[in-house]
Amino acid sequence: MGVDVNEEQVKEATKATMLNVIAVLKEAVGGDLNKVRQCVQLTGIFNTKDDYTKHADLMNTASDLTVEILGEKGKHARATLGASSIPVNSSVEIQAIFEVE
């Protein structure tokens, strides 16, 4: 993890970030998540030290939340990686691709 946070804090940040992604998605479909056909892919980028290797465990937070909210339509491909820095010193960034009506 980065110098200022631990795994639990990053998992909470990942959950908050994914909830923000879902909120933007909901706005994009006029408030009706039933218009979402599929979560195609999530990519998680984590601000970590060079020797950190549990990125996938952190990303499970976002993946599990997406399935919890969208059901079967929330199942997706994903990529997860670490970075030595992320803009504004964030601990996580999530990119998402959804298929919608």
PDB file of N, CA and C in Angstrom:
ATOM      1  N   MET A   1       0.835  -1.166   0.000  1.00  0.00           N
ATOM      2  CA  MET A   1       0.000   0.000   0.000  1.00  0.00           C
ATOM      3  C   MET A   1       0.884   1.233   0.000  1.00  0.00           C
ATOM      4  N   GLY A   2       0.226   2.327  -0.303  1.00  0.00           N
ATOM      5  CA  GLY A   2       0.941   3.592  -0.232  1.00  0.00           C
ATOM      6  C   GLY A   2       1.326   3.895   1.207  1.00  0.00           C
ATOM      7  N   VAL A   3       2.088   4.888   1.397  1.00  0.00           N
ATOM      8  CA  VAL A   3       2.639   5.212   2.706  1.00  0.00           C
ATOM      9  C   VAL A   3       1.553   5.552   3.723  1.00  0.00           C
ATOM     10  N   ASP A   4       0.475   6.181   3.296  1.00  0.00           N
ATOM     11  CA  ASP A   4      -0.492   6.747   4.235  1.00  0.00           C
ATOM     12  C   ASP A   4      -1.737   5.906   4.494  1.00  0.00           C
ATOM     13  N   VAL A   5      -1.872   4.727   3.877  1.00  0.00           N
ATOM     14  CA  VAL A   5      -3.100   3.943   4.040  1.00  0.00           C
ATOM     15  C   VAL A   5      -2.781   2.461   4.211  1.00  0.00           C
ATOM     16  N   ASN A   6      -3.750   1.728   4.792  1.00  0.00           N
ATOM     17  CA  ASN A   6      -3.613   0.279   4.921  1.00  0.00           C
ATOM     18  C   ASN A   6      -4.648  -0.408   4.024  1.00  0.00           C
ATOM     19  N   GLU A   7      -4.622  -1.742   3.982  1.00  0.00           N
ATOM     20  CA  GLU A   7      -5.517  -2.483   3.086  1.00  0.00           C
ATOM     21  C   GLU A   7      -6.992  -2.199   3.360  1.00  0.00           C
ATOM     22  N   GLU A   8      -7.381  -2.168   4.612  1.00  0.00           N
ATOM     23  CA  GLU A   8      -8.796  -1.931   4.926  1.00  0.00           C
ATOM     24  C   GLU A   8      -9.243  -0.554   4.449  1.00  0.00           C
ATOM     25  N   GLN A   9      -8.397   0.438   4.603  1.00  0.00           N
ATOM     26  CA  GLN A   9      -8.733   1.780   4.120  1.00  0.00           C
ATOM     27  C   GLN A   9      -8.855   1.795   2.597  1.00  0.00           C
ATOM     28  N   VAL A  10      -7.995   1.058   1.920  1.00  0.00           N
ATOM     29  CA  VAL A  10      -8.071   1.006   0.457  1.00  0.00           C
ATOM     30  C   VAL A  10      -9.321   0.250   0.018  1.00  0.00           C
ATOM     31  N   LYS A  11      -9.701  -0.797   0.734  1.00  0.00           N
ATOM     32  CA  LYS A  11     -10.945  -1.506   0.407  1.00  0.00           C
ATOM     33  C   LYS A  11     -12.145  -0.574   0.566  1.00  0.00           C
ATOM     34  N   GLU A  12     -12.150   0.231   1.608  1.00  0.00           N
ATOM     35  CA  GLU A  12     -13.236   1.209   1.792  1.00  0.00           C
ATOM     36  C   GLU A  12     -13.224   2.247   0.675  1.00  0.00           C
ATOM     37  N   ALA A  13     -12.045   2.699   0.288  1.00  0.00           N
ATOM     38  CA  ALA A  13     -11.935   3.653  -0.823  1.00  0.00           C
ATOM     39  C   ALA A  13     -12.388   3.014  -2.131  1.00  0.00           C
ATOM     40  N   THR A  14     -12.090   1.735  -2.310  1.00  0.00           N
ATOM     41  CA  THR A  14     -12.517   1.012  -3.510  1.00  0.00           C
ATOM     42  C   THR A  14     -14.038   0.908  -3.549  1.00  0.00           C
ATOM     43  N   LYS A  15     -14.647   0.612  -2.415  1.00  0.00           N
ATOM     44  CA  LYS A  15     -16.110   0.545  -2.338  1.00  0.00           C
ATOM     45  C   LYS A  15     -16.726   1.901  -2.664  1.00  0.00           C
ATOM     46  N   ALA A  16     -16.202   2.960  -2.076  1.00  0.00           N
ATOM     47  CA  ALA A  16     -16.727   4.304  -2.338  1.00  0.00           C
ATOM     48  C   ALA A  16     -16.554   4.683  -3.808  1.00  0.00           C
ATOM     49  N   THR A  17     -15.417   4.333  -4.377  1.00  0.00           N
ATOM     50  CA  THR A  17     -15.168   4.638  -5.788  1.00  0.00           C
ATOM     51  C   THR A  17     -16.142   3.887  -6.676  1.00  0.00           C
ATOM     52  N   MET A  18     -16.372   2.603  -6.385  1.00  0.00           N
ATOM     53  CA  MET A  18     -17.296   1.823  -7.207  1.00  0.00           C
ATOM     54  C   MET A  18     -18.725   2.329  -7.051  1.00  0.00           C
ATOM     55  N   LEU A  19     -19.100   2.746  -5.860  1.00  0.00           N
ATOM     56  CA  LEU A  19     -20.432   3.338  -5.675  1.00  0.00           C
ATOM     57  C   LEU A  19     -20.568   4.617  -6.498  1.00  0.00           C
ATOM     58  N   ASN A  20     -19.498   5.391  -6.601  1.00  0.00           N
ATOM     59  CA  ASN A  20     -19.521   6.583  -7.459  1.00  0.00           C
ATOM     60  C   ASN A  20     -19.672   6.201  -8.925  1.00  0.00           C
ATOM     61  N   VAL A  21     -18.978   5.149  -9.355  1.00  0.00           N
ATOM     62  CA  VAL A  21     -19.113   4.667 -10.737  1.00  0.00           C
ATOM     63  C   VAL A  21     -20.567   4.273 -11.008  1.00  0.00           C
ATOM     64  N   ILE A  22     -21.174   3.536 -10.085  1.00  0.00           N
ATOM     65  CA  ILE A  22     -22.573   3.107 -10.243  1.00  0.00           C
ATOM     66  C   ILE A  22     -23.503   4.319 -10.253  1.00  0.00           C
ATOM     67  N   ALA A  23     -23.228   5.320  -9.444  1.00  0.00           N
ATOM     68  CA  ALA A  23     -24.053   6.535  -9.426  1.00  0.00           C
ATOM     69  C   ALA A  23     -23.992   7.258 -10.767  1.00  0.00           C
ATOM     70  N   VAL A  24     -22.808   7.352 -11.354  1.00  0.00           N
ATOM     71  CA  VAL A  24     -22.666   7.983 -12.671  1.00  0.00           C
ATOM     72  C   VAL A  24     -23.388   7.150 -13.728  1.00  0.00           C
ATOM     73  N   LEU A  25     -23.250   5.837 -13.641  1.00  0.00           N
ATOM     74  CA  LEU A  25     -23.960   4.940 -14.562  1.00  0.00           C
ATOM     75  C   LEU A  25     -25.469   5.139 -14.447  1.00  0.00           C
ATOM     76  N   LYS A  26     -25.967   5.184 -13.226  1.00  0.00           N
ATOM     77  CA  LYS A  26     -27.407   5.357 -13.009  1.00  0.00           C
ATOM     78  C   LYS A  26     -27.896   6.668 -13.613  1.00  0.00           C
ATOM     79  N   GLU A  27     -27.131   7.720 -13.441  1.00  0.00           N
ATOM     80  CA  GLU A  27     -27.494   9.006 -14.041  1.00  0.00           C
ATOM     81  C   GLU A  27     -27.500   8.907 -15.568  1.00  0.00           C
ATOM     82  N   ALA A  28     -26.533   8.190 -16.116  1.00  0.00           N
ATOM     83  CA  ALA A  28     -26.416   8.061 -17.575  1.00  0.00           C
ATOM     84  C   ALA A  28     -27.593   7.309 -18.193  1.00  0.00           C
ATOM     85  N   VAL A  29     -28.221   6.416 -17.418  1.00  0.00           N
ATOM     86  CA  VAL A  29     -29.369   5.659 -17.940  1.00  0.00           C
ATOM     87  C   VAL A  29     -30.686   6.216 -17.410  1.00  0.00           C
ATOM     88  N   GLY A  30     -30.684   7.480 -17.048  1.00  0.00           N
ATOM     89  CA  GLY A  30     -31.911   8.139 -16.621  1.00  0.00           C
ATOM     90  C   GLY A  30     -32.475   7.611 -15.323  1.00  0.00           C
ATOM     91  N   GLY A  31     -31.621   7.081 -14.463  1.00  0.00           N
ATOM     92  CA  GLY A  31     -32.068   6.609 -13.161  1.00  0.00           C
ATOM     93  C   GLY A  31     -32.548   5.173 -13.136  1.00  0.00           C
ATOM     94  N   ASP A  32     -32.528   4.485 -14.264  1.00  0.00           N
ATOM     95  CA  ASP A  32     -33.065   3.124 -14.358  1.00  0.00           C
ATOM     96  C   ASP A  32     -31.948   2.124 -14.647  1.00  0.00           C
ATOM     97  N   LEU A  33     -31.440   1.481 -13.600  1.00  0.00           N
ATOM     98  CA  LEU A  33     -30.365   0.507 -13.784  1.00  0.00           C
ATOM     99  C   LEU A  33     -30.815  -0.731 -14.560  1.00  0.00           C
ATOM    100  N   ASN A  34     -32.129  -0.891 -14.759  1.00  0.00           N
ATOM    101  CA  ASN A  34     -32.605  -1.992 -15.601  1.00  0.00           C
ATOM    102  C   ASN A  34     -32.199  -1.799 -17.058  1.00  0.00           C
ATOM    103  N   LYS A  35     -31.795  -0.589 -17.422  1.00  0.00           N
ATOM    104  CA  LYS A  35     -31.325  -0.324 -18.784  1.00  0.00           C
ATOM    105  C   LYS A  35     -29.885  -0.792 -19.002  1.00  0.00           C
ATOM    106  N   VAL A  36     -29.240  -1.225 -17.936  1.00  0.00           N
ATOM    107  CA  VAL A  36     -27.881  -1.763 -18.056  1.00  0.00           C
ATOM    108  C   VAL A  36     -27.993  -3.200 -18.544  1.00  0.00           C
ATOM    109  N   ARG A  37     -27.375  -3.479 -19.683  1.00  0.00           N
ATOM    110  CA  ARG A  37     -27.383  -4.850 -20.206  1.00  0.00           C
ATOM    111  C   ARG A  37     -26.276  -5.686 -19.579  1.00  0.00           C
ATOM    112  N   GLN A  38     -25.102  -5.078 -19.388  1.00  0.00           N
ATOM    113  CA  GLN A  38     -23.966  -5.844 -18.871  1.00  0.00           C
ATOM    114  C   GLN A  38     -22.857  -4.918 -18.398  1.00  0.00           C
ATOM    115  N   CYS A  39     -22.222  -5.294 -17.326  1.00  0.00           N
ATOM    116  CA  CYS A  39     -20.934  -4.693 -16.979  1.00  0.00           C
ATOM    117  C   CYS A  39     -19.915  -5.482 -17.794  1.00  0.00           C
ATOM    118  N   VAL A  40     -19.262  -4.833 -18.719  1.00  0.00           N
ATOM    119  CA  VAL A  40     -18.337  -5.514 -19.628  1.00  0.00           C
ATOM    120  C   VAL A  40     -16.975  -5.704 -18.970  1.00  0.00           C
ATOM    121  N   GLN A  41     -16.418  -4.635 -18.424  1.00  0.00           N
ATOM    122  CA  GLN A  41     -15.086  -4.738 -17.826  1.00  0.00           C
ATOM    123  C   GLN A  41     -14.877  -3.666 -16.771  1.00  0.00           C
ATOM    124  N   LEU A  42     -14.166  -4.049 -15.722  1.00  0.00           N
ATOM    125  CA  LEU A  42     -13.674  -3.109 -14.721  1.00  0.00           C
ATOM    126  C   LEU A  42     -12.152  -3.196 -14.716  1.00  0.00           C
ATOM    127  N   THR A  43     -11.516  -2.052 -14.600  1.00  0.00           N
ATOM    128  CA  THR A  43     -10.067  -2.002 -14.449  1.00  0.00           C
ATOM    129  C   THR A  43      -9.760  -1.216 -13.183  1.00  0.00           C
ATOM    130  N   GLY A  44      -9.064  -1.853 -12.266  1.00  0.00           N
ATOM    131  CA  GLY A  44      -8.676  -1.204 -11.021  1.00  0.00           C
ATOM    132  C   GLY A  44      -7.199  -0.877 -11.026  1.00  0.00           C
ATOM    133  N   ILE A  45      -6.880   0.344 -10.682  1.00  0.00           N
ATOM    134  CA  ILE A  45      -5.496   0.794 -10.591  1.00  0.00           C
ATOM    135  C   ILE A  45      -5.274   1.247  -9.147  1.00  0.00           C
ATOM    136  N   PHE A  46      -4.295   0.642  -8.499  1.00  0.00           N
ATOM    137  CA  PHE A  46      -4.055   0.901  -7.085  1.00  0.00           C
ATOM    138  C   PHE A  46      -2.688   1.535  -6.869  1.00  0.00           C
ATOM    139  N   ASN A  47      -2.665   2.547  -6.022  1.00  0.00           N
ATOM    140  CA  ASN A  47      -1.433   3.248  -5.665  1.00  0.00           C
ATOM    141  C   ASN A  47      -0.723   2.411  -4.599  1.00  0.00           C
ATOM    142  N   THR A  48       0.277   1.642  -5.022  1.00  0.00           N
ATOM    143  CA  THR A  48       0.932   0.709  -4.109  1.00  0.00           C
ATOM    144  C   THR A  48       2.449   0.811  -4.188  1.00  0.00           C
ATOM    145  N   LYS A  49       3.080   0.237  -3.186  1.00  0.00           N
ATOM    146  CA  LYS A  49       4.538   0.127  -3.192  1.00  0.00           C
ATOM    147  C   LYS A  49       4.941  -0.975  -4.172  1.00  0.00           C
ATOM    148  N   ASP A  50       6.189  -0.958  -4.583  1.00  0.00           N
ATOM    149  CA  ASP A  50       6.689  -1.903  -5.583  1.00  0.00           C
ATOM    150  C   ASP A  50       6.525  -3.367  -5.191  1.00  0.00           C
ATOM    151  N   ASP A  51       6.610  -3.685  -3.905  1.00  0.00           N
ATOM    152  CA  ASP A  51       6.573  -5.083  -3.485  1.00  0.00           C
ATOM    153  C   ASP A  51       5.169  -5.582  -3.135  1.00  0.00           C
ATOM    154  N   TYR A  52       4.137  -4.780  -3.314  1.00  0.00           N
ATOM    155  CA  TYR A  52       2.766  -5.193  -3.000  1.00  0.00           C
ATOM    156  C   TYR A  52       2.232  -6.096  -4.109  1.00  0.00           C
ATOM    157  N   THR A  53       1.558  -7.200  -3.729  1.00  0.00           N
ATOM    158  CA  THR A  53       1.097  -8.171  -4.734  1.00  0.00           C
ATOM    159  C   THR A  53      -0.372  -8.570  -4.601  1.00  0.00           C
ATOM    160  N   LYS A  54      -1.137  -7.967  -3.711  1.00  0.00           N
ATOM    161  CA  LYS A  54      -2.522  -8.389  -3.468  1.00  0.00           C
ATOM    162  C   LYS A  54      -3.545  -7.479  -4.146  1.00  0.00           C
ATOM    163  N   HIS A  55      -3.212  -6.948  -5.292  1.00  0.00           N
ATOM    164  CA  HIS A  55      -4.119  -6.043  -6.006  1.00  0.00           C
ATOM    165  C   HIS A  55      -5.473  -6.697  -6.286  1.00  0.00           C
ATOM    166  N   ALA A  56      -5.454  -7.968  -6.672  1.00  0.00           N
ATOM    167  CA  ALA A  56      -6.706  -8.660  -6.998  1.00  0.00           C
ATOM    168  C   ALA A  56      -7.632  -8.729  -5.789  1.00  0.00           C
ATOM    169  N   ASP A  57      -7.070  -8.924  -4.600  1.00  0.00           N
ATOM    170  CA  ASP A  57      -7.893  -8.949  -3.388  1.00  0.00           C
ATOM    171  C   ASP A  57      -8.594  -7.608  -3.176  1.00  0.00           C
ATOM    172  N   LEU A  58      -7.889  -6.528  -3.448  1.00  0.00           N
ATOM    173  CA  LEU A  58      -8.491  -5.201  -3.315  1.00  0.00           C
ATOM    174  C   LEU A  58      -9.621  -5.019  -4.324  1.00  0.00           C
ATOM    175  N   MET A  59      -9.392  -5.473  -5.556  1.00  0.00           N
ATOM    176  CA  MET A  59     -10.375  -5.293  -6.626  1.00  0.00           C
ATOM    177  C   MET A  59     -11.615  -6.146  -6.422  1.00  0.00           C
ATOM    178  N   ASN A  60     -11.494  -7.235  -5.654  1.00  0.00           N
ATOM    179  CA  ASN A  60     -12.674  -8.046  -5.350  1.00  0.00           C
ATOM    180  C   ASN A  60     -13.772  -7.199  -4.722  1.00  0.00           C
ATOM    181  N   THR A  61     -13.402  -6.184  -3.972  1.00  0.00           N
ATOM    182  CA  THR A  61     -14.386  -5.293  -3.349  1.00  0.00           C
ATOM    183  C   THR A  61     -15.283  -4.664  -4.406  1.00  0.00           C
ATOM    184  N   ALA A  62     -14.695  -4.148  -5.470  1.00  0.00           N
ATOM    185  CA  ALA A  62     -15.473  -3.516  -6.545  1.00  0.00           C
ATOM    186  C   ALA A  62     -16.258  -4.550  -7.335  1.00  0.00           C
ATOM    187  N   SER A  63     -15.635  -5.676  -7.642  1.00  0.00           N
ATOM    188  CA  SER A  63     -16.309  -6.716  -8.419  1.00  0.00           C
ATOM    189  C   SER A  63     -17.513  -7.265  -7.671  1.00  0.00           C
ATOM    190  N   ASP A  64     -17.322  -7.590  -6.400  1.00  0.00           N
ATOM    191  CA  ASP A  64     -18.419  -8.137  -5.599  1.00  0.00           C
ATOM    192  C   ASP A  64     -19.562  -7.137  -5.464  1.00  0.00           C
ATOM    193  N   LEU A  65     -19.246  -5.876  -5.276  1.00  0.00           N
ATOM    194  CA  LEU A  65     -20.274  -4.845  -5.151  1.00  0.00           C
ATOM    195  C   LEU A  65     -21.064  -4.694  -6.451  1.00  0.00           C
ATOM    196  N   THR A  66     -20.386  -4.768  -7.569  1.00  0.00           N
ATOM    197  CA  THR A  66     -21.056  -4.645  -8.866  1.00  0.00           C
ATOM    198  C   THR A  66     -22.049  -5.781  -9.065  1.00  0.00           C
ATOM    199  N   VAL A  67     -21.659  -6.997  -8.721  1.00  0.00           N
ATOM    200  CA  VAL A  67     -22.568  -8.144  -8.834  1.00  0.00           C
ATOM    201  C   VAL A  67     -23.702  -8.022  -7.820  1.00  0.00           C
ATOM    202  N   GLU A  68     -23.406  -7.536  -6.633  1.00  0.00           N
ATOM    203  CA  GLU A  68     -24.445  -7.345  -5.614  1.00  0.00           C
ATOM    204  C   GLU A  68     -25.518  -6.375  -6.109  1.00  0.00           C
ATOM    205  N   ILE A  69     -25.112  -5.316  -6.772  1.00  0.00           N
ATOM    206  CA  ILE A  69     -26.058  -4.297  -7.232  1.00  0.00           C
ATOM    207  C   ILE A  69     -26.758  -4.697  -8.526  1.00  0.00           C
ATOM    208  N   LEU A  70     -26.019  -5.264  -9.476  1.00  0.00           N
ATOM    209  CA  LEU A  70     -26.576  -5.543 -10.809  1.00  0.00           C
ATOM    210  C   LEU A  70     -26.937  -7.008 -11.045  1.00  0.00           C
ATOM    211  N   GLY A  71     -26.651  -7.875 -10.105  1.00  0.00           N
ATOM    212  CA  GLY A  71     -26.936  -9.296 -10.292  1.00  0.00           C
ATOM    213  C   GLY A  71     -26.079  -9.885 -11.400  1.00  0.00           C
ATOM    214  N   GLU A  72     -26.637 -10.808 -12.168  1.00  0.00           N
ATOM    215  CA  GLU A  72     -25.897 -11.469 -13.253  1.00  0.00           C
ATOM    216  C   GLU A  72     -25.315 -10.471 -14.243  1.00  0.00           C
ATOM    217  N   LYS A  73     -26.011  -9.362 -14.447  1.00  0.00           N
ATOM    218  CA  LYS A  73     -25.516  -8.343 -15.386  1.00  0.00           C
ATOM    219  C   LYS A  73     -24.262  -7.648 -14.866  1.00  0.00           C
ATOM    220  N   GLY A  74     -23.948  -7.867 -13.615  1.00  0.00           N
ATOM    221  CA  GLY A  74     -22.769  -7.257 -13.023  1.00  0.00           C
ATOM    222  C   GLY A  74     -21.499  -8.069 -13.184  1.00  0.00           C
ATOM    223  N   LYS A  75     -21.629  -9.309 -13.690  1.00  0.00           N
ATOM    224  CA  LYS A  75     -20.439 -10.143 -13.895  1.00  0.00           C
ATOM    225  C   LYS A  75     -19.648  -9.600 -15.073  1.00  0.00           C
ATOM    226  N   HIS A  76     -18.326  -9.565 -14.951  1.00  0.00           N
ATOM    227  CA  HIS A  76     -17.512  -8.824 -15.904  1.00  0.00           C
ATOM    228  C   HIS A  76     -16.100  -9.391 -16.020  1.00  0.00           C
ATOM    229  N   ALA A  77     -15.430  -9.002 -17.074  1.00  0.00           N
ATOM    230  CA  ALA A  77     -13.982  -9.207 -17.180  1.00  0.00           C
ATOM    231  C   ALA A  77     -13.325  -8.097 -16.375  1.00  0.00           C
ATOM    232  N   ARG A  78     -12.072  -8.316 -15.993  1.00  0.00           N
ATOM    233  CA  ARG A  78     -11.421  -7.239 -15.259  1.00  0.00           C
ATOM    234  C   ARG A  78      -9.911  -7.301 -15.401  1.00  0.00           C
ATOM    235  N   ALA A  79      -9.325  -6.176 -15.137  1.00  0.00           N
ATOM    236  CA  ALA A  79      -7.871  -6.052 -15.071  1.00  0.00           C
ATOM    237  C   ALA A  79      -7.553  -5.299 -13.787  1.00  0.00           C
ATOM    238  N   THR A  80      -6.455  -5.649 -13.175  1.00  0.00           N
ATOM    239  CA  THR A  80      -6.061  -5.023 -11.921  1.00  0.00           C
ATOM    240  C   THR A  80      -4.555  -4.816 -11.932  1.00  0.00           C
ATOM    241  N   LEU A  81      -4.129  -3.632 -11.543  1.00  0.00           N
ATOM    242  CA  LEU A  81      -2.696  -3.373 -11.533  1.00  0.00           C
ATOM    243  C   LEU A  81      -2.331  -2.345 -10.483  1.00  0.00           C
ATOM    244  N   GLY A  82      -1.050  -2.299 -10.185  1.00  0.00           N
ATOM    245  CA  GLY A  82      -0.526  -1.319  -9.247  1.00  0.00           C
ATOM    246  C   GLY A  82       0.215  -0.224  -9.988  1.00  0.00           C
ATOM    247  N   ALA A  83       0.249   0.936  -9.384  1.00  0.00           N
ATOM    248  CA  ALA A  83       0.956   2.081  -9.965  1.00  0.00           C
ATOM    249  C   ALA A  83       1.704   2.797  -8.843  1.00  0.00           C
ATOM    250  N   SER A  84       2.798   3.416  -9.189  1.00  0.00           N
ATOM    251  CA  SER A  84       3.577   4.125  -8.171  1.00  0.00           C
ATOM    252  C   SER A  84       2.944   5.452  -7.779  1.00  0.00           C
ATOM    253  N   SER A  85       2.024   5.946  -8.612  1.00  0.00           N
ATOM    254  CA  SER A  85       1.274   7.152  -8.261  1.00  0.00           C
ATOM    255  C   SER A  85      -0.011   7.192  -9.073  1.00  0.00           C
ATOM    256  N   ILE A  86      -0.989   7.882  -8.518  1.00  0.00           N
ATOM    257  CA  ILE A  86      -2.284   8.106  -9.167  1.00  0.00           C
ATOM    258  C   ILE A  86      -2.600   9.583  -8.957  1.00  0.00           C
ATOM    259  N   PRO A  87      -3.259  10.245  -9.911  1.00  0.00           N
ATOM    260  CA  PRO A  87      -3.577  11.666  -9.744  1.00  0.00           C
ATOM    261  C   PRO A  87      -4.216  11.977  -8.387  1.00  0.00           C
ATOM    262  N   VAL A  88      -3.928  13.131  -7.882  1.00  0.00           N
ATOM    263  CA  VAL A  88      -4.360  13.669  -6.583  1.00  0.00           C
ATOM    264  C   VAL A  88      -4.070  12.719  -5.418  1.00  0.00           C
ATOM    265  N   ASN A  89      -3.067  11.881  -5.586  1.00  0.00           N
ATOM    266  CA  ASN A  89      -2.630  10.938  -4.559  1.00  0.00           C
ATOM    267  C   ASN A  89      -3.746  10.008  -4.090  1.00  0.00           C
ATOM    268  N   SER A  90      -4.670   9.666  -4.980  1.00  0.00           N
ATOM    269  CA  SER A  90      -5.732   8.717  -4.650  1.00  0.00           C
ATOM    270  C   SER A  90      -5.137   7.343  -4.411  1.00  0.00           C
ATOM    271  N   SER A  91      -5.849   6.517  -3.663  1.00  0.00           N
ATOM    272  CA  SER A  91      -5.380   5.150  -3.443  1.00  0.00           C
ATOM    273  C   SER A  91      -5.907   4.197  -4.502  1.00  0.00           C
ATOM    274  N   VAL A  92      -6.987   4.585  -5.198  1.00  0.00           N
ATOM    275  CA  VAL A  92      -7.580   3.701  -6.206  1.00  0.00           C
ATOM    276  C   VAL A  92      -8.234   4.522  -7.309  1.00  0.00           C
ATOM    277  N   GLU A  93      -8.180   3.981  -8.503  1.00  0.00           N
ATOM    278  CA  GLU A  93      -8.914   4.521  -9.652  1.00  0.00           C
ATOM    279  C   GLU A  93      -9.581   3.333 -10.329  1.00  0.00           C
ATOM    280  N   ILE A  94     -10.842   3.481 -10.711  1.00  0.00           N
ATOM    281  CA  ILE A  94     -11.562   2.402 -11.392  1.00  0.00           C
ATOM    282  C   ILE A  94     -12.088   2.915 -12.717  1.00  0.00           C
ATOM    283  N   GLN A  95     -11.769   2.180 -13.763  1.00  0.00           N
ATOM    284  CA  GLN A  95     -12.321   2.446 -15.089  1.00  0.00           C
ATOM    285  C   GLN A  95     -13.371   1.372 -15.348  1.00  0.00           C
ATOM    286  N   ALA A  96     -14.507   1.758 -15.917  1.00  0.00           N
ATOM    287  CA  ALA A  96     -15.600   0.811 -16.121  1.00  0.00           C
ATOM    288  C   ALA A  96     -16.188   0.949 -17.519  1.00  0.00           C
ATOM    289  N   ILE A  97     -16.535  -0.193 -18.094  1.00  0.00           N
ATOM    290  CA  ILE A  97     -17.216  -0.226 -19.383  1.00  0.00           C
ATOM    291  C   ILE A  97     -18.516  -0.993 -19.183  1.00  0.00           C
ATOM    292  N   PHE A  98     -19.638  -0.351 -19.531  1.00  0.00           N
ATOM    293  CA  PHE A  98     -20.954  -0.970 -19.422  1.00  0.00           C
ATOM    294  C   PHE A  98     -21.641  -0.957 -20.775  1.00  0.00           C
ATOM    295  N   GLU A  99     -22.418  -1.992 -21.046  1.00  0.00           N
ATOM    296  CA  GLU A  99     -23.304  -2.005 -22.209  1.00  0.00           C
ATOM    297  C   GLU A  99     -24.685  -1.599 -21.702  1.00  0.00           C
ATOM    298  N   VAL A 100     -25.285  -0.606 -22.351  1.00  0.00           N
ATOM    299  CA  VAL A 100     -26.603  -0.126 -21.930  1.00  0.00           C
ATOM    300  C   VAL A 100     -27.544  -0.076 -23.126  1.00  0.00           C
ATOM    301  N   GLU A 101     -28.847  -0.026 -22.826  1.00  0.00           N
ATOM    302  CA  GLU A 101     -29.856   0.091 -23.888  1.00  0.00           C
ATOM    303  C   GLU A 101     -29.794   1.454 -24.529  1.00  0.00           C
TER     304      GLU A 101
END
